[in-house]
Protein backbone atom coordinates (compact mmCIF):
# COMPACT_ATOMS: atom_id res chain seq x y z
CA UNK A 1 0.03 -0.02 -0.10
CA UNK A 2 1.15 3.35 -0.67
CA UNK A 3 0.50 5.18 2.52
CA UNK A 4 2.64 8.38 2.39
CA UNK A 5 0.53 9.09 -1.06
CA UNK A 6 -2.77 8.68 0.58
CA UNK A 7 -1.58 10.86 3.52
CA UNK A 8 -0.64 13.49 1.12
CA UNK A 9 -4.01 13.44 -0.70
CA UNK A 10 -6.22 13.33 2.29
CA UNK A 11 -7.80 16.52 3.46
CA UNK A 12 -8.59 16.01 6.78
CA UNK A 13 -9.80 18.65 9.74
CA UNK A 14 -7.27 17.95 12.49
CA UNK A 15 -6.85 21.38 14.68
CA UNK A 16 -9.74 22.37 16.74
CA UNK A 17 -10.65 25.15 15.19
CA UNK A 18 -11.13 23.01 11.85
CA UNK A 19 -13.14 20.62 14.12
CA UNK A 20 -15.90 23.15 14.59
CA UNK A 21 -15.81 24.03 10.89
CA UNK A 22 -15.99 20.17 10.02
CA UNK A 23 -19.75 19.97 11.49
CA UNK A 24 -20.90 22.07 8.74
CA UNK A 25 -23.83 23.31 10.88
CA UNK A 26 -22.10 23.75 14.31
CA UNK A 27 -23.24 27.21 14.99
CA UNK A 28 -26.91 26.33 14.34
CA UNK A 29 -26.46 23.38 16.65
CA UNK A 30 -24.71 25.53 19.23
CA UNK A 31 -27.85 27.81 19.54
CA UNK A 32 -30.38 25.00 19.88
CA UNK A 33 -30.72 25.15 23.55
CA UNK A 34 -34.03 23.93 23.38
CA UNK A 35 -33.16 20.46 22.64
CA UNK A 36 -34.83 17.95 20.18
CA UNK A 37 -37.96 18.86 18.38
CA UNK A 38 -41.24 16.58 18.76
CA UNK A 39 -40.50 15.85 14.97
CA UNK A 40 -37.21 14.31 16.02
CA UNK A 41 -38.80 11.45 18.06
CA UNK A 42 -41.22 11.08 15.38
CA UNK A 43 -38.59 10.38 12.77
CA UNK A 44 -36.95 7.87 15.13
CA UNK A 45 -34.34 10.16 16.04
CA UNK A 46 -33.10 10.55 12.51
CA UNK A 47 -31.42 13.63 13.13
CA UNK A 48 -29.17 12.01 15.63
CA UNK A 49 -28.47 8.64 14.11
CA UNK A 50 -25.91 10.29 11.55
CA UNK A 51 -23.75 11.79 14.02
CA UNK A 52 -24.07 8.89 16.27
CA UNK A 53 -22.95 6.47 13.42
CA UNK A 54 -19.95 8.89 13.03
CA UNK A 55 -18.72 8.79 16.67
CA UNK A 56 -19.34 5.07 16.61
CA UNK A 57 -17.45 4.32 13.44
CA UNK A 58 -14.62 6.69 14.62
CA UNK A 59 -13.63 5.82 17.96
CA UNK A 60 -11.43 3.37 16.03
CA UNK A 61 -11.86 4.48 12.25
CA UNK A 62 -13.40 1.83 10.21
CA UNK A 63 -13.09 3.12 6.69
CA UNK A 64 -11.06 3.93 4.73
CA UNK A 65 -8.47 1.41 6.05
CA UNK A 66 -5.46 3.23 5.57
CA UNK A 67 -7.06 5.93 7.84
CA UNK A 68 -7.19 3.13 10.64
CA UNK A 69 -3.63 2.47 9.78
CA UNK A 70 -2.35 5.77 10.51
CA UNK A 71 -4.78 6.53 13.56
CA UNK A 72 -3.74 3.27 15.39
CA UNK A 73 -2.20 0.36 13.35
CA UNK A 74 1.30 2.27 12.96
CA UNK A 75 0.88 3.67 16.83
CA UNK A 76 -0.81 1.55 19.41
CA UNK A 77 -1.01 -1.72 17.67
CA UNK A 78 2.58 -1.88 17.04
CA UNK A 79 4.04 -0.35 20.22
CA UNK A 80 1.69 -2.53 22.27
CA UNK A 81 3.86 -5.66 21.24
CA UNK A 82 0.69 -7.31 19.28
CA UNK A 83 1.71 -6.48 15.51
CA UNK A 84 4.69 -5.90 13.25
CA UNK A 85 5.22 -4.59 10.03
CA UNK A 86 7.47 -6.27 7.41
CA UNK A 87 7.18 -3.22 5.13
CA UNK A 88 9.97 -0.45 5.37
CA UNK A 89 7.53 2.61 5.48
CA UNK A 90 9.74 5.85 5.14
CA UNK A 91 12.80 4.14 4.06
CA UNK A 92 12.68 2.09 7.07
CA UNK A 93 12.86 5.14 9.61
CA UNK A 94 9.32 5.31 10.93
CA UNK A 95 7.07 4.89 14.18
CA UNK A 96 8.32 1.21 14.09
CA UNK A 97 11.96 2.53 14.99
CA UNK A 98 10.95 5.50 16.98
CA UNK A 99 11.14 8.17 14.52
CA UNK A 100 7.77 9.67 15.16
CA UNK A 101 6.31 10.73 11.87
CA UNK A 102 3.77 13.79 12.69
CA UNK A 103 1.95 13.37 9.18
CA UNK A 104 0.73 9.96 10.48
CA UNK A 105 0.38 10.54 14.32
CA UNK A 106 -2.10 13.51 13.69
CA UNK A 107 -4.79 11.39 12.54
CA UNK A 108 -5.93 9.91 15.97
CA UNK A 109 -6.09 13.66 17.29
CA UNK A 110 -7.95 14.59 14.24
CA UNK A 111 -10.75 11.84 14.11
CA UNK A 112 -11.41 12.45 17.99
CA UNK A 113 -12.20 15.95 17.40
CA UNK A 114 -13.94 16.27 13.91
CA UNK A 115 -15.46 13.07 14.01
CA UNK A 116 -16.18 12.37 17.64
CA UNK A 117 -16.05 15.23 19.94
CA UNK A 118 -18.00 17.56 17.21
CA UNK A 119 -21.06 15.04 17.00
CA UNK A 120 -21.19 14.37 20.54
CA UNK A 121 -21.71 18.26 20.99
CA UNK A 122 -24.20 18.05 18.23
CA UNK A 123 -25.92 15.01 19.97
CA UNK A 124 -26.18 16.96 23.37
CA UNK A 125 -27.59 20.01 21.96
CA UNK A 126 -30.23 17.54 20.11
CA UNK A 127 -31.07 15.60 23.11
CA UNK A 128 -29.75 16.65 26.53
CA UNK A 129 -32.90 18.24 27.92
CA UNK A 130 -35.94 16.30 26.15
CA UNK A 131 -34.15 12.87 25.55
CA UNK A 132 -31.49 12.51 28.21
CA UNK A 133 -31.03 8.34 27.38
CA UNK A 134 -29.56 9.56 24.13
CA UNK A 135 -27.18 12.21 25.72
CA UNK A 136 -26.10 9.50 28.35
CA UNK A 137 -25.31 7.01 25.55
CA UNK A 138 -23.02 9.71 23.75
CA UNK A 139 -21.43 10.76 27.13
CA UNK A 140 -20.37 7.05 27.42
CA UNK A 141 -19.07 7.06 23.76
CA UNK A 142 -17.24 10.41 24.31
CA UNK A 143 -15.19 8.79 27.33
CA UNK A 144 -14.56 5.67 25.45
CA UNK A 145 -12.92 7.65 22.72
CA UNK A 146 -11.47 10.59 24.39
CA UNK A 147 -9.49 8.65 27.16
CA UNK A 148 -7.84 7.13 24.33
CA UNK A 149 -6.77 10.54 23.13
CA UNK A 150 -5.66 11.51 26.65
CA UNK A 151 -3.68 8.04 26.87
CA UNK A 152 -1.81 8.65 23.60
CA UNK A 153 -1.13 12.52 23.69
CA UNK A 154 -1.34 13.27 27.72
CA UNK A 155 -3.09 16.83 28.05
CA UNK A 156 -5.84 17.40 25.42
CA UNK A 157 -8.81 19.56 24.72
CA UNK A 158 -11.87 17.99 26.85
CA UNK A 159 -13.56 20.63 29.19
CA UNK A 160 -12.77 23.48 26.81
CA UNK A 161 -14.13 21.71 23.58
CA UNK A 162 -16.52 24.11 21.83
CA UNK A 163 -14.94 27.19 23.13
CA UNK A 164 -14.93 30.35 20.58
CA UNK A 165 -12.08 31.81 22.20
CA UNK A 166 -8.82 32.32 19.79
CA UNK A 167 -6.69 30.19 22.37
CA UNK A 168 -8.33 26.66 23.49
CA UNK A 169 -6.80 25.72 26.81
CA UNK A 170 -5.75 22.26 27.47
CA UNK A 171 -6.75 20.05 30.17
CA UNK A 172 -3.89 18.16 31.92
CA UNK A 173 -4.42 14.56 31.56
CA UNK A 174 -5.26 14.25 35.44
CA UNK A 175 -8.15 17.39 34.79
CA UNK A 176 -9.25 15.18 31.63
CA UNK A 177 -9.80 12.43 33.65
CA UNK A 178 -11.61 13.96 36.33
CA UNK A 179 -13.98 15.50 33.82
CA UNK A 180 -14.54 12.32 32.21
CA UNK A 181 -15.11 10.63 35.56
CA UNK A 182 -18.05 13.43 36.02
CA UNK A 183 -19.33 12.68 32.27
CA UNK A 184 -19.49 8.78 33.37
CA UNK A 185 -21.45 9.96 36.89
CA UNK A 186 -24.16 11.89 34.50
CA UNK A 187 -24.26 9.01 32.13
CA UNK A 188 -24.57 6.11 34.78
CA UNK A 189 -27.54 8.40 36.47
CA UNK A 190 -29.12 8.81 33.08
CA UNK A 191 -28.83 5.31 31.72
CA UNK A 192 -29.39 3.69 35.38
CA UNK A 193 -32.72 5.27 36.09
CA UNK A 194 -33.71 4.34 32.30
CA UNK A 195 -33.05 0.65 33.00
CA UNK A 196 -34.92 0.80 36.25
CA UNK A 197 -38.00 2.21 34.47
CA UNK A 198 -38.46 -0.67 32.42
CA UNK A 199 -39.58 1.50 29.46
CA UNK A 200 -38.81 0.81 26.02
CA UNK A 201 -35.34 1.72 24.54
CA UNK A 202 -35.57 4.97 22.83
CA UNK A 203 -31.75 4.47 21.84
CA UNK A 204 -32.02 0.97 20.20
CA UNK A 205 -32.46 2.51 16.78
CA UNK A 206 -29.16 4.24 16.83
CA UNK A 207 -27.01 1.92 18.77
CA UNK A 208 -24.44 0.28 16.41
CA UNK A 209 -23.26 -1.93 19.29
CA UNK A 210 -24.69 -5.33 20.30
CA UNK A 211 -26.13 -4.04 23.08
CA UNK A 212 -29.18 -2.93 20.75
CA UNK A 213 -30.13 0.09 23.23
CA UNK A 214 -30.07 -2.14 26.47
CA UNK A 215 -29.79 0.47 29.28
CA UNK A 216 -28.70 -2.06 31.81
CA UNK A 217 -25.80 -2.91 29.38
CA UNK A 218 -24.99 0.66 28.73
CA UNK A 219 -24.69 1.32 32.42
CA UNK A 220 -22.32 -1.72 32.89
CA UNK A 221 -20.16 -0.69 30.20
CA UNK A 222 -19.93 3.00 31.98
CA UNK A 223 -19.20 1.16 35.35
CA UNK A 224 -16.56 -0.76 33.42
CA UNK A 225 -14.90 2.56 31.83
CA UNK A 226 -14.82 4.11 35.40
CA UNK A 227 -13.13 1.03 36.91
CA UNK A 228 -10.32 1.29 33.73
CA UNK A 229 -9.96 5.11 34.51
CA UNK A 230 -9.88 4.36 37.96
CA UNK A 231 -6.89 1.89 37.93
CA UNK A 232 -4.89 4.28 35.93
CA UNK A 233 -5.04 6.34 39.38
CA UNK A 234 -3.86 3.66 41.77
CA UNK A 235 -0.15 4.94 41.75
CA UNK A 236 -1.05 8.63 41.33
CA UNK A 237 -4.14 9.48 43.40
CA UNK A 238 -4.83 6.44 45.57
CA UNK A 239 -7.91 8.11 47.20
CA UNK A 240 -9.31 8.53 43.94
CA UNK A 241 -8.93 5.22 42.84
CA UNK A 242 -10.40 3.47 45.46
CA UNK A 243 -13.31 5.62 45.66
CA UNK A 244 -13.96 5.59 41.61
CA UNK A 245 -13.21 1.49 41.71
CA UNK A 246 -15.76 1.12 44.56
CA UNK A 247 -18.43 3.20 42.91
CA UNK A 248 -18.06 0.82 39.61
CA UNK A 249 -18.10 -2.03 41.45
CA UNK A 250 -20.88 -1.37 43.88
CA UNK A 251 -23.24 0.89 41.44
CA UNK A 252 -26.65 -1.45 41.20
CA UNK A 253 -25.86 -2.67 37.58
CA UNK A 254 -22.13 -3.44 38.48
CA UNK A 255 -19.61 -3.77 35.70
CA UNK A 256 -19.14 -6.35 32.78
CA UNK A 257 -19.80 -10.04 34.11
CA UNK A 258 -20.79 -12.15 30.94
CA UNK A 259 -19.59 -12.09 27.49
CA UNK A 260 -22.76 -10.81 26.41
CA UNK A 261 -21.91 -7.43 28.10
CA UNK A 262 -18.55 -6.91 25.93
CA UNK A 263 -18.91 -3.54 24.25
CA UNK A 264 -18.95 -4.77 20.30
CA UNK A 265 -19.27 -2.41 17.52
CA UNK A 266 -21.37 -4.08 14.68
CA UNK A 267 -19.42 -2.28 11.90
CA UNK A 268 -20.76 -1.83 8.11
CA UNK A 269 -17.48 -3.31 7.06
CA UNK A 270 -14.72 -6.24 8.24
CA UNK A 271 -12.25 -4.97 10.92
CA UNK A 272 -10.02 -2.60 8.82
CA UNK A 273 -7.05 -4.94 10.14
CA UNK A 274 -8.37 -7.81 7.72
CA UNK A 275 -7.48 -5.87 4.69
CA UNK A 276 -4.26 -4.35 6.22
CA UNK A 277 -2.95 -7.64 6.89
CA UNK A 278 -4.69 -9.96 4.93
CA UNK A 279 -5.05 -8.21 1.59
CA UNK A 280 -2.12 -5.58 1.52
CA UNK A 281 0.41 -7.40 4.11
CA UNK A 282 1.38 -4.27 5.77
CA UNK A 283 0.81 -5.79 9.50
CA UNK A 284 1.94 -9.22 10.74
CA UNK A 285 2.03 -11.03 13.83
CA UNK A 286 4.61 -9.48 16.24
CA UNK A 287 7.57 -11.49 17.62
CA UNK A 288 6.29 -10.75 21.24
CA UNK A 289 3.13 -12.59 20.56
CA UNK A 290 4.92 -15.59 18.91
CA UNK A 291 6.98 -15.55 22.22
CA UNK A 292 4.17 -15.56 24.67
CA UNK A 293 1.36 -17.18 22.92
CA UNK A 294 3.91 -20.06 21.28
CA UNK A 295 5.58 -20.61 24.67
CA UNK A 296 2.22 -20.99 26.72
CA UNK A 297 0.95 -23.33 23.95
CA UNK A 298 -1.99 -20.94 24.02
CA UNK A 299 -4.91 -22.06 21.60
CA UNK A 300 -5.97 -18.43 21.06
CA UNK A 301 -3.00 -18.25 18.77
CA UNK A 302 -5.16 -20.13 16.19
CA UNK A 303 -8.01 -17.34 16.19
CA UNK A 304 -5.64 -14.41 16.17
CA UNK A 305 -3.23 -15.23 13.52
CA UNK A 306 -2.90 -17.39 10.17
CA UNK A 307 -0.12 -20.20 9.93
CA UNK A 308 3.02 -18.73 8.23
CA UNK A 309 3.75 -19.31 4.62
CA UNK A 310 7.49 -19.62 5.35
CA UNK A 311 7.52 -22.40 7.89
CA UNK A 312 4.94 -25.00 7.56
CA UNK A 313 2.35 -25.46 10.23
CA UNK A 314 4.15 -22.79 12.46
CA UNK A 315 3.18 -19.30 13.57
CA UNK A 316 6.10 -16.82 12.86
CA UNK A 317 6.04 -13.13 13.90
CA UNK A 318 8.13 -10.07 13.08
CA UNK A 319 10.58 -8.62 15.51
CA UNK A 320 9.71 -4.65 15.63
CA UNK A 321 12.73 -2.10 15.11
CA UNK A 322 14.55 -4.20 13.01
CA UNK A 323 16.33 -3.41 9.43
CA UNK A 324 13.84 -5.06 7.07
CA UNK A 325 14.59 -6.24 3.91
CA UNK A 326 12.25 -5.64 1.15
CA UNK A 327 9.59 -8.48 0.92
CA UNK A 328 11.90 -10.64 3.18
CA UNK A 329 9.09 -11.26 6.13
CA UNK A 330 6.02 -10.93 4.04
CA UNK A 331 5.28 -14.55 4.41
CA UNK A 332 5.26 -14.53 8.21
CA UNK A 333 1.80 -14.87 10.01
CA UNK A 334 -0.77 -12.61 9.18
CA UNK A 335 -3.55 -11.41 11.54
CA UNK A 336 -6.63 -14.18 11.47
CA UNK A 337 -10.13 -14.86 12.24
CA UNK A 338 -10.32 -12.60 14.81
CA UNK A 339 -10.25 -9.47 12.30
CA UNK A 340 -12.31 -11.42 9.44
CA UNK A 341 -15.66 -10.16 11.05
CA UNK A 342 -17.75 -7.13 11.10
CA UNK A 343 -17.82 -7.24 15.07
CA UNK A 344 -15.13 -4.74 16.68
CA UNK A 345 -14.45 -5.34 20.62
CA UNK A 346 -13.79 -2.08 22.19
CA UNK A 347 -13.84 -3.49 25.66
CA UNK A 348 -14.38 -7.54 26.64
CA UNK A 349 -15.83 -8.83 29.81
CA UNK A 350 -12.58 -10.85 30.13
CA UNK A 351 -10.56 -7.54 30.60
CA UNK A 352 -12.82 -6.27 33.28
CA UNK A 353 -12.44 -9.46 35.06
CA UNK A 354 -8.84 -8.85 34.92
CA UNK A 355 -9.29 -5.76 35.93
CA UNK A 356 -11.10 -6.67 39.18
CA UNK A 357 -7.90 -9.20 39.70
CA UNK A 358 -5.63 -6.20 39.78
CA UNK A 359 -8.13 -4.18 42.27
CA UNK A 360 -8.49 -7.40 44.32
CA UNK A 361 -4.50 -7.73 44.53
CA UNK A 362 -4.16 -4.04 45.52
CA UNK A 363 -6.60 -4.85 48.21
CA UNK A 364 -5.03 -7.79 49.16
CA UNK A 365 -7.94 -9.91 48.82
CA UNK A 366 -8.01 -13.71 47.89
CA UNK A 367 -10.35 -12.96 45.10
CA UNK A 368 -7.71 -12.22 42.64
CA UNK A 369 -7.00 -15.72 41.73
CA UNK A 370 -10.61 -16.32 41.07
CA UNK A 371 -11.10 -12.89 39.18
CA UNK A 372 -7.79 -13.94 37.16
CA UNK A 373 -8.97 -17.13 36.25
CA UNK A 374 -12.59 -15.99 35.18
CA UNK A 375 -10.88 -13.27 33.04
CA UNK A 376 -8.85 -16.25 31.17
CA UNK A 377 -12.10 -18.25 30.75
CA UNK A 378 -14.01 -15.46 29.61
CA UNK A 379 -11.27 -14.83 26.68
CA UNK A 380 -11.20 -18.58 25.96
CA UNK A 381 -15.31 -18.60 25.29
CA UNK A 382 -15.23 -15.02 23.62
CA UNK A 383 -12.94 -16.90 21.20
CA UNK A 384 -15.07 -19.95 20.56
CA UNK A 385 -12.88 -22.36 22.74
CA UNK A 386 -14.28 -24.62 25.40
CA UNK A 387 -14.05 -24.35 29.08
CA UNK A 388 -12.32 -27.72 29.43
CA UNK A 389 -9.43 -26.15 27.12
CA UNK A 390 -9.26 -22.95 29.14
CA UNK A 391 -9.33 -25.05 32.62
CA UNK A 392 -6.31 -27.05 31.15
CA UNK A 393 -4.57 -23.67 30.27
CA UNK A 394 -5.39 -22.25 33.64
CA UNK A 395 -3.81 -25.07 35.98
CA UNK A 396 -0.51 -25.17 33.25
CA UNK A 397 2.35 -24.17 35.80
CA UNK A 398 5.20 -25.08 33.54
CA UNK A 399 4.99 -23.45 30.22
CA UNK A 400 6.43 -19.96 29.78
CA UNK A 401 7.49 -17.74 26.73
CA UNK A 402 9.79 -19.14 24.33
CA UNK A 403 12.85 -17.75 22.74
CA UNK A 404 12.12 -15.84 19.25
CA UNK A 405 14.14 -17.15 16.34
CA UNK A 406 13.79 -15.27 12.87
CA UNK A 407 14.37 -17.57 10.14
CA UNK A 408 15.35 -15.01 7.86
CA UNK A 409 17.80 -12.90 9.85
CA UNK A 410 19.61 -14.44 13.12
CA UNK A 411 20.65 -11.18 14.26
CA UNK A 412 17.12 -10.64 15.02
CA UNK A 413 17.09 -13.47 17.53
CA UNK A 414 16.15 -12.97 21.03
CA UNK A 415 15.89 -14.76 24.63
CA UNK A 416 12.17 -14.83 26.05
CA UNK A 417 11.91 -11.80 28.33
CA UNK A 418 8.01 -12.12 29.74
CA UNK A 419 9.15 -15.23 32.05
CA UNK A 420 6.06 -15.88 34.09
CA UNK A 421 4.05 -19.31 34.02
CA UNK A 422 0.31 -19.30 33.69
CA UNK A 423 -1.13 -20.63 36.91
CA UNK A 424 -1.83 -18.35 39.81
CA UNK A 425 0.73 -18.51 42.47
CA UNK A 426 -0.39 -17.40 46.22
CA UNK A 427 3.12 -17.42 47.07
CA UNK A 428 4.37 -14.97 44.49
CA UNK A 429 5.02 -11.37 45.08
CA UNK A 430 2.63 -8.83 44.10
CA UNK A 431 4.85 -7.86 41.31
CA UNK A 432 4.90 -11.32 39.82
CA UNK A 433 1.03 -11.65 40.18
CA UNK A 434 0.76 -8.23 38.32
CA UNK A 435 2.84 -9.42 35.60
CA UNK A 436 0.35 -12.47 35.30
CA UNK A 437 -2.48 -10.47 35.30
CA UNK A 438 -1.33 -7.89 32.56
CA UNK A 439 0.15 -10.47 30.46
CA UNK A 440 -3.41 -12.40 30.40
CA UNK A 441 -5.02 -9.07 30.08
CA UNK A 442 -2.84 -8.32 26.88
CA UNK A 443 -3.55 -11.78 25.34
CA UNK A 444 -7.20 -11.28 26.06
CA UNK A 445 -7.09 -7.75 24.72
CA UNK A 446 -6.19 -8.36 21.21
CA UNK A 447 -6.29 -6.98 18.43
CA UNK A 448 -7.15 -3.66 20.25
CA UNK A 449 -3.62 -2.43 20.55
CA UNK A 450 -4.37 1.25 21.89
CA UNK A 451 -5.15 -0.10 25.54
CA UNK A 452 -2.61 -2.69 25.50
CA UNK A 453 -0.02 0.00 24.73
CA UNK A 454 -1.57 1.98 27.77
CA UNK A 455 -1.34 -0.94 29.95
CA UNK A 456 1.85 -1.68 28.95
CA UNK A 457 3.29 2.05 29.73
CA UNK A 458 1.30 1.92 32.95
CA UNK A 459 2.74 -1.38 34.56
CA UNK A 460 5.73 -2.44 32.31
CA UNK A 461 3.99 -5.83 31.34
CA UNK A 462 4.18 -8.14 29.34
CA UNK A 463 7.98 -7.60 28.99
CA UNK A 464 8.74 -7.21 25.36
CA UNK A 465 11.74 -7.59 23.08
CA UNK A 466 13.74 -3.98 22.60
CA UNK A 467 13.96 -2.40 19.07
CA UNK A 468 17.31 -3.09 17.50
CA UNK A 469 16.81 -0.19 15.13
CA UNK A 470 16.19 3.08 16.67
CA UNK A 471 16.16 6.00 14.66
CA UNK A 472 15.10 8.62 17.20
CA UNK A 473 18.43 10.37 17.36
CA UNK A 474 18.51 9.45 21.09
CA UNK A 475 15.21 10.73 22.18
CA UNK A 476 13.42 7.39 22.91
CA UNK A 477 14.96 4.65 25.07
CA UNK A 478 15.01 1.23 22.95
CA UNK A 479 14.61 -0.30 26.26
CA UNK A 480 11.57 1.79 27.59
CA UNK A 481 10.05 2.31 23.98
CA UNK A 482 7.29 5.13 23.00
CA UNK A 483 5.72 6.80 26.05
CA UNK A 484 3.54 9.11 24.25
CA UNK A 485 2.84 10.97 20.84
CA UNK A 486 3.78 14.70 20.04
CA UNK A 487 1.12 17.38 20.04
CA UNK A 488 0.09 17.63 16.41
CA UNK A 489 1.07 20.22 13.83
CA UNK A 490 -2.33 21.42 13.03
CA UNK A 491 -2.72 22.58 16.44
CA UNK A 492 0.95 24.09 16.92
CA UNK A 493 -0.46 26.10 13.79
CA UNK A 494 -4.08 27.04 14.44
CA UNK A 495 -3.95 26.84 18.41
CA UNK A 496 -0.29 27.55 19.43
CA UNK A 497 -1.40 29.14 22.50
CA UNK A 498 -3.33 26.21 23.55
CA UNK A 499 -0.47 23.87 22.65
CA UNK A 500 1.55 25.90 25.08
CA UNK A 501 -0.59 25.03 28.05
CA UNK A 502 -0.31 21.49 27.02
CA UNK A 503 3.36 21.44 27.30
CA UNK A 504 3.23 23.34 30.48
CA UNK A 505 0.81 20.97 31.79
CA UNK A 506 2.56 18.00 30.29
CA UNK A 507 5.62 18.72 32.69
CA UNK A 508 8.12 17.44 29.81
CA UNK A 509 9.54 17.91 26.51
CA UNK A 510 6.86 17.68 23.67
CA UNK A 511 8.34 14.19 22.53
CA UNK A 512 8.09 10.47 22.54
CA UNK A 513 9.88 9.80 25.56
CA UNK A 514 8.13 12.23 28.09
CA UNK A 515 6.05 10.13 30.67
CA UNK A 516 2.28 10.50 31.14
CA UNK A 517 1.01 11.31 34.25
CA UNK A 518 0.02 7.97 35.23
CA UNK A 519 3.38 6.21 33.96
CA UNK A 520 5.40 6.22 37.19
CA UNK A 521 7.67 3.63 36.44
CA UNK A 522 6.69 1.70 39.66
CA UNK A 523 3.73 -0.55 40.43
CA UNK A 524 3.47 -0.65 44.32
């Protein structure tokens, strides 16, 4: 795929000022304080279906596929250790070798503001007063999208979005998180009350997820998002972490507990990774996935990847950050059945159980083991594997990650680094227990690399192979990897004063090595 040409030809609204103009009728929406008209309900919410569809489809961009590739495929999917590329984009000096390319890295920001935030604002103006259930769903989607942006860039525009001031101030990442938690308070209040009422759902026709407008499931999603955000705070604001995690777990509808609770988009097309990997061959299995899944004899490998075309009957991954020869690794394993579907998993029940395992671990509760095992079981069943297969896996106390062998170039070979076994061990240290939990969370979250990259930065797990080719000119550590993405060029051009507030609140240089607020380098 000629990715660079695609980017050059693209006309995308990226800056905040452009995001306003991207909505077309933003000014008229901004003045519609009365909420939706009676005709809106009669039309089955036709006026809000369109902006809601845009929101759903751009939390992770579905089409065109190349846009997903630069929004996430060449960011979180790579840096998480999930996938790698055998294509030497930009002459082999690019995100995979830690030379962060601004022309790629602005797309996540641009989509979040022009496609998500602007349309959430529109839905709010149309529905907040008369049809709060629709507004509640939009708020959950807003947090689902925007915590990702805070986790990519750090400081971002959240509370000041929609401002007409010349300079739009950035929230610090901490401020953004606190505002997101407030939005979840509002959403849970609305959606929980609607679930309690037993009324027919008015959001069903606009709901592009498998929830089909079920208020209770939307409430559980909001609570699960709260738990995710709360865990980010465990090391930097323990009091808020405890209060927010308790709020999530103790709310009437609780968090996800069955696989039917997983938040899954029903897309109009197959997962874009299917084309990027299966069609273009631009993205392949990573060496880290081969080492961990292969070493564990993990049957999920058969769902996540196709066998390689270079070694019959084997799964072969590519190591990230190596010297790539043209086409040499193209026959390594491509991403498999998990992306050959139009259902895109944004958050799974397996991940939530593993979050609960971490909460229990931090509280010194014996429930950590049961939540850990429940998370593995949920992941196996989510991927069409049996409870018996999960039970055998859970009890495995011998398997560990395997050494990596590159059949093309032995210079890329590496000794396994994520050396923890599968079975829970009550006698292990908290650090080892956390490594087990996050390793299984990493496996269960595939192929959604953004969350996996965030958890890797927050905890350091799973341990991954360092890059061998680092073209960051000494800015980014080969061992620590990319910690964040630079503020985008369109913002520097269109909102320079705002970017200045962001840099101040970042507390370090605006580059890929500066740690985010919750990225402390310690776990306990």
